[in-house]
């Protein structure tokens, strides 16, 4: 039974990583389309550190509605900083 549990955990981890990667890609695309490639590139280091899908969804929503790019960049950097503290 132990290998089944380990296998299930590995599958769940892979699924979570895939979701996070997809959300990071979507967020990068939105930043690029809304605010330009320069903003997407500026956001990349913080984006790469984010792994929590819920946080990424919130940031994606913000990127879709934020009045300016700096609002999103600040939120991204804060989220990445908070995640690295966990």
N, C-alpha and C. Protein backbone atom coordinates (compact mmCIF):
# COMPACT_ATOMS: atom_id res chain seq x y z
N UNK A 1 0.81 -1.21 0.00
CA UNK A 1 0.00 0.00 0.00
C UNK A 1 0.85 1.27 0.00
N UNK A 2 2.01 1.23 0.56
CA UNK A 2 2.87 2.40 0.61
C UNK A 2 3.23 2.93 -0.78
N UNK A 3 3.60 2.07 -1.73
CA UNK A 3 3.91 2.61 -3.06
C UNK A 3 2.72 3.33 -3.70
N UNK A 4 1.49 2.83 -3.48
CA UNK A 4 0.31 3.50 -4.02
C UNK A 4 0.18 4.91 -3.45
N UNK A 5 0.42 5.05 -2.16
CA UNK A 5 0.32 6.35 -1.52
C UNK A 5 1.39 7.29 -2.07
N UNK A 6 2.60 6.81 -2.19
CA UNK A 6 3.68 7.63 -2.73
C UNK A 6 3.40 8.00 -4.19
N UNK A 7 2.89 7.05 -4.94
CA UNK A 7 2.56 7.32 -6.34
C UNK A 7 1.46 8.37 -6.44
N UNK A 8 0.45 8.24 -5.60
CA UNK A 8 -0.64 9.22 -5.59
C UNK A 8 -0.13 10.62 -5.22
N UNK A 9 0.74 10.67 -4.23
CA UNK A 9 1.32 11.95 -3.82
C UNK A 9 2.13 12.57 -4.96
N UNK A 10 2.89 11.75 -5.66
CA UNK A 10 3.69 12.25 -6.78
C UNK A 10 2.79 12.77 -7.89
N UNK A 11 1.71 12.05 -8.16
CA UNK A 11 0.76 12.48 -9.19
C UNK A 11 0.11 13.81 -8.78
N UNK A 12 -0.32 13.91 -7.54
CA UNK A 12 -0.95 15.14 -7.05
C UNK A 12 0.03 16.31 -7.12
N UNK A 13 1.28 16.06 -6.77
CA UNK A 13 2.29 17.12 -6.84
C UNK A 13 2.49 17.56 -8.29
N UNK A 14 2.53 16.61 -9.20
CA UNK A 14 2.68 16.93 -10.62
C UNK A 14 1.51 17.74 -11.15
N UNK A 15 0.31 17.39 -10.73
CA UNK A 15 -0.88 18.12 -11.14
C UNK A 15 -0.83 19.56 -10.62
N UNK A 16 -0.47 19.72 -9.35
CA UNK A 16 -0.39 21.06 -8.75
C UNK A 16 0.67 21.90 -9.45
N UNK A 17 1.81 21.30 -9.76
CA UNK A 17 2.87 22.03 -10.45
C UNK A 17 2.41 22.43 -11.86
N UNK A 18 1.67 21.54 -12.52
CA UNK A 18 1.16 21.85 -13.85
C UNK A 18 0.16 22.99 -13.83
N UNK A 19 -0.71 22.99 -12.82
CA UNK A 19 -1.68 24.09 -12.68
C UNK A 19 -0.95 25.41 -12.47
N UNK A 20 0.01 25.40 -11.57
CA UNK A 20 0.76 26.63 -11.28
C UNK A 20 1.48 27.12 -12.53
N UNK A 21 2.07 26.21 -13.28
CA UNK A 21 2.79 26.60 -14.50
C UNK A 21 1.82 27.22 -15.51
N UNK A 22 0.65 26.63 -15.65
CA UNK A 22 -0.35 27.17 -16.56
C UNK A 22 -0.80 28.57 -16.15
N UNK A 23 -1.00 28.76 -14.85
CA UNK A 23 -1.40 30.08 -14.35
C UNK A 23 -0.29 31.10 -14.52
N UNK A 24 0.95 30.69 -14.29
CA UNK A 24 2.08 31.61 -14.51
C UNK A 24 2.15 32.02 -15.98
N UNK A 25 1.96 31.06 -16.88
CA UNK A 25 1.97 31.37 -18.31
C UNK A 25 0.84 32.32 -18.69
N UNK A 26 -0.36 32.07 -18.15
CA UNK A 26 -1.50 32.93 -18.43
C UNK A 26 -1.25 34.34 -17.90
N UNK A 27 -0.71 34.43 -16.71
CA UNK A 27 -0.43 35.73 -16.11
C UNK A 27 0.62 36.49 -16.93
N UNK A 28 1.64 35.81 -17.37
CA UNK A 28 2.66 36.43 -18.20
C UNK A 28 2.05 36.94 -19.52
N UNK A 29 1.18 36.15 -20.10
CA UNK A 29 0.53 36.55 -21.35
C UNK A 29 -0.35 37.78 -21.15
N UNK A 30 -1.13 37.80 -20.08
CA UNK A 30 -1.98 38.95 -19.79
C UNK A 30 -1.13 40.19 -19.57
N UNK A 31 -0.07 40.06 -18.80
CA UNK A 31 0.81 41.21 -18.57
C UNK A 31 1.39 41.73 -19.88
N UNK A 32 1.82 40.82 -20.72
CA UNK A 32 2.39 41.21 -22.01
C UNK A 32 1.37 41.92 -22.89
N UNK A 33 0.16 41.39 -22.95
CA UNK A 33 -0.86 41.97 -23.82
C UNK A 33 -1.42 43.28 -23.28
N UNK A 34 -1.59 43.36 -21.96
CA UNK A 34 -2.17 44.58 -21.38
C UNK A 34 -1.16 45.69 -21.21
N UNK A 35 0.07 45.33 -20.80
CA UNK A 35 1.03 46.35 -20.40
C UNK A 35 2.33 46.34 -21.19
N UNK A 36 2.50 45.36 -22.07
CA UNK A 36 3.70 45.30 -22.88
C UNK A 36 4.68 44.22 -22.42
N UNK A 37 5.52 43.83 -23.35
CA UNK A 37 6.49 42.77 -23.10
C UNK A 37 7.47 43.14 -21.99
N UNK A 38 7.81 44.42 -21.89
CA UNK A 38 8.73 44.86 -20.85
C UNK A 38 8.19 44.56 -19.45
N UNK A 39 6.91 44.78 -19.26
CA UNK A 39 6.29 44.50 -17.97
C UNK A 39 6.30 43.01 -17.68
N UNK A 40 5.99 42.20 -18.69
CA UNK A 40 6.01 40.75 -18.51
C UNK A 40 7.41 40.28 -18.13
N UNK A 41 8.42 40.85 -18.76
CA UNK A 41 9.80 40.49 -18.43
C UNK A 41 10.19 40.94 -17.03
N UNK A 42 9.72 42.11 -16.64
CA UNK A 42 10.00 42.61 -15.28
C UNK A 42 9.36 41.71 -14.23
N UNK A 43 8.21 41.15 -14.55
CA UNK A 43 7.47 40.31 -13.61
C UNK A 43 8.03 38.90 -13.52
N UNK A 44 8.79 38.47 -14.50
CA UNK A 44 9.22 37.08 -14.60
C UNK A 44 9.93 36.53 -13.37
N UNK A 45 10.89 37.24 -12.78
CA UNK A 45 11.56 36.67 -11.59
C UNK A 45 10.59 36.38 -10.44
N UNK A 46 9.66 37.28 -10.20
CA UNK A 46 8.68 37.05 -9.13
C UNK A 46 7.74 35.91 -9.52
N UNK A 47 7.31 35.89 -10.77
CA UNK A 47 6.42 34.82 -11.24
C UNK A 47 7.04 33.45 -11.05
N UNK A 48 8.31 33.33 -11.34
CA UNK A 48 8.99 32.03 -11.24
C UNK A 48 9.03 31.50 -9.82
N UNK A 49 8.96 32.39 -8.85
CA UNK A 49 9.01 31.96 -7.44
C UNK A 49 7.64 31.55 -6.91
N UNK A 50 6.57 31.89 -7.63
CA UNK A 50 5.22 31.60 -7.15
C UNK A 50 4.78 30.20 -7.54
N UNK A 51 4.27 29.45 -6.56
CA UNK A 51 3.82 28.08 -6.81
C UNK A 51 2.40 27.83 -6.35
N UNK A 52 1.84 28.73 -5.57
CA UNK A 52 0.49 28.54 -5.03
C UNK A 52 -0.56 28.95 -6.07
N UNK A 53 -1.38 27.97 -6.48
CA UNK A 53 -2.37 28.23 -7.54
C UNK A 53 -3.39 29.28 -7.12
N UNK A 54 -3.81 29.29 -5.87
CA UNK A 54 -4.79 30.29 -5.42
C UNK A 54 -4.21 31.70 -5.52
N UNK A 55 -2.97 31.85 -5.10
CA UNK A 55 -2.30 33.15 -5.20
C UNK A 55 -2.17 33.57 -6.66
N UNK A 56 -1.78 32.64 -7.50
CA UNK A 56 -1.64 32.95 -8.93
C UNK A 56 -2.97 33.34 -9.56
N UNK A 57 -4.06 32.68 -9.16
CA UNK A 57 -5.39 33.05 -9.68
C UNK A 57 -5.76 34.47 -9.27
N UNK A 58 -5.48 34.81 -8.02
CA UNK A 58 -5.78 36.16 -7.55
C UNK A 58 -4.96 37.20 -8.32
N UNK A 59 -3.70 36.89 -8.57
CA UNK A 59 -2.85 37.81 -9.32
C UNK A 59 -3.29 37.92 -10.78
N UNK A 60 -3.76 36.82 -11.34
CA UNK A 60 -4.27 36.85 -12.71
C UNK A 60 -5.50 37.76 -12.79
N UNK A 61 -6.38 37.63 -11.82
CA UNK A 61 -7.56 38.50 -11.77
C UNK A 61 -7.13 39.97 -11.65
N UNK A 62 -6.15 40.22 -10.80
CA UNK A 62 -5.64 41.58 -10.64
C UNK A 62 -5.06 42.10 -11.96
N UNK A 63 -4.29 41.25 -12.65
CA UNK A 63 -3.68 41.67 -13.91
C UNK A 63 -4.74 42.02 -14.95
N UNK A 64 -5.88 41.38 -14.88
CA UNK A 64 -6.96 41.66 -15.82
C UNK A 64 -7.69 42.97 -15.52
N UNK A 65 -7.63 43.41 -14.27
CA UNK A 65 -8.44 44.56 -13.85
C UNK A 65 -7.65 45.75 -13.32
N UNK A 66 -6.36 45.58 -13.11
CA UNK A 66 -5.55 46.64 -12.50
C UNK A 66 -5.50 47.89 -13.39
N UNK A 67 -5.47 49.06 -12.76
CA UNK A 67 -5.43 50.30 -13.54
C UNK A 67 -4.08 50.55 -14.22
N UNK A 68 -3.01 49.91 -13.67
CA UNK A 68 -1.69 50.11 -14.26
C UNK A 68 -0.78 48.93 -13.93
N UNK A 69 0.32 48.86 -14.65
CA UNK A 69 1.23 47.72 -14.48
C UNK A 69 1.92 47.71 -13.12
N UNK A 70 2.21 48.87 -12.58
CA UNK A 70 2.93 48.92 -11.30
C UNK A 70 2.12 48.26 -10.18
N UNK A 71 0.81 48.39 -10.23
CA UNK A 71 -0.05 47.74 -9.24
C UNK A 71 0.17 46.23 -9.26
N UNK A 72 0.25 45.67 -10.45
CA UNK A 72 0.43 44.22 -10.59
C UNK A 72 1.85 43.82 -10.19
N UNK A 73 2.84 44.56 -10.63
CA UNK A 73 4.24 44.26 -10.29
C UNK A 73 4.42 44.27 -8.77
N UNK A 74 3.88 45.29 -8.12
CA UNK A 74 4.00 45.38 -6.66
C UNK A 74 3.35 44.17 -5.98
N UNK A 75 2.16 43.79 -6.44
CA UNK A 75 1.45 42.64 -5.85
C UNK A 75 2.22 41.35 -6.10
N UNK A 76 2.78 41.20 -7.28
CA UNK A 76 3.57 40.01 -7.61
C UNK A 76 4.79 39.91 -6.69
N UNK A 77 5.49 41.01 -6.55
CA UNK A 77 6.70 41.00 -5.72
C UNK A 77 6.36 40.72 -4.26
N UNK A 78 5.26 41.29 -3.79
CA UNK A 78 4.84 41.03 -2.41
C UNK A 78 4.47 39.57 -2.21
N UNK A 79 3.70 39.01 -3.16
CA UNK A 79 3.30 37.61 -3.05
C UNK A 79 4.50 36.67 -3.09
N UNK A 80 5.45 36.96 -3.95
CA UNK A 80 6.66 36.13 -4.04
C UNK A 80 7.47 36.23 -2.75
N UNK A 81 7.54 37.42 -2.17
CA UNK A 81 8.25 37.62 -0.93
C UNK A 81 7.57 36.85 0.22
N UNK A 82 6.25 36.95 0.28
CA UNK A 82 5.50 36.26 1.34
C UNK A 82 5.62 34.73 1.19
N UNK A 83 5.58 34.26 -0.04
CA UNK A 83 5.68 32.81 -0.27
C UNK A 83 7.04 32.28 0.14
N UNK A 84 8.09 33.05 -0.11
CA UNK A 84 9.43 32.59 0.25
C UNK A 84 9.63 32.58 1.78
N UNK A 85 8.80 33.34 2.50
CA UNK A 85 8.86 33.34 3.97
C UNK A 85 8.18 32.11 4.56
N UNK A 86 7.25 31.52 3.81
CA UNK A 86 6.51 30.35 4.32
C UNK A 86 7.34 29.12 4.42
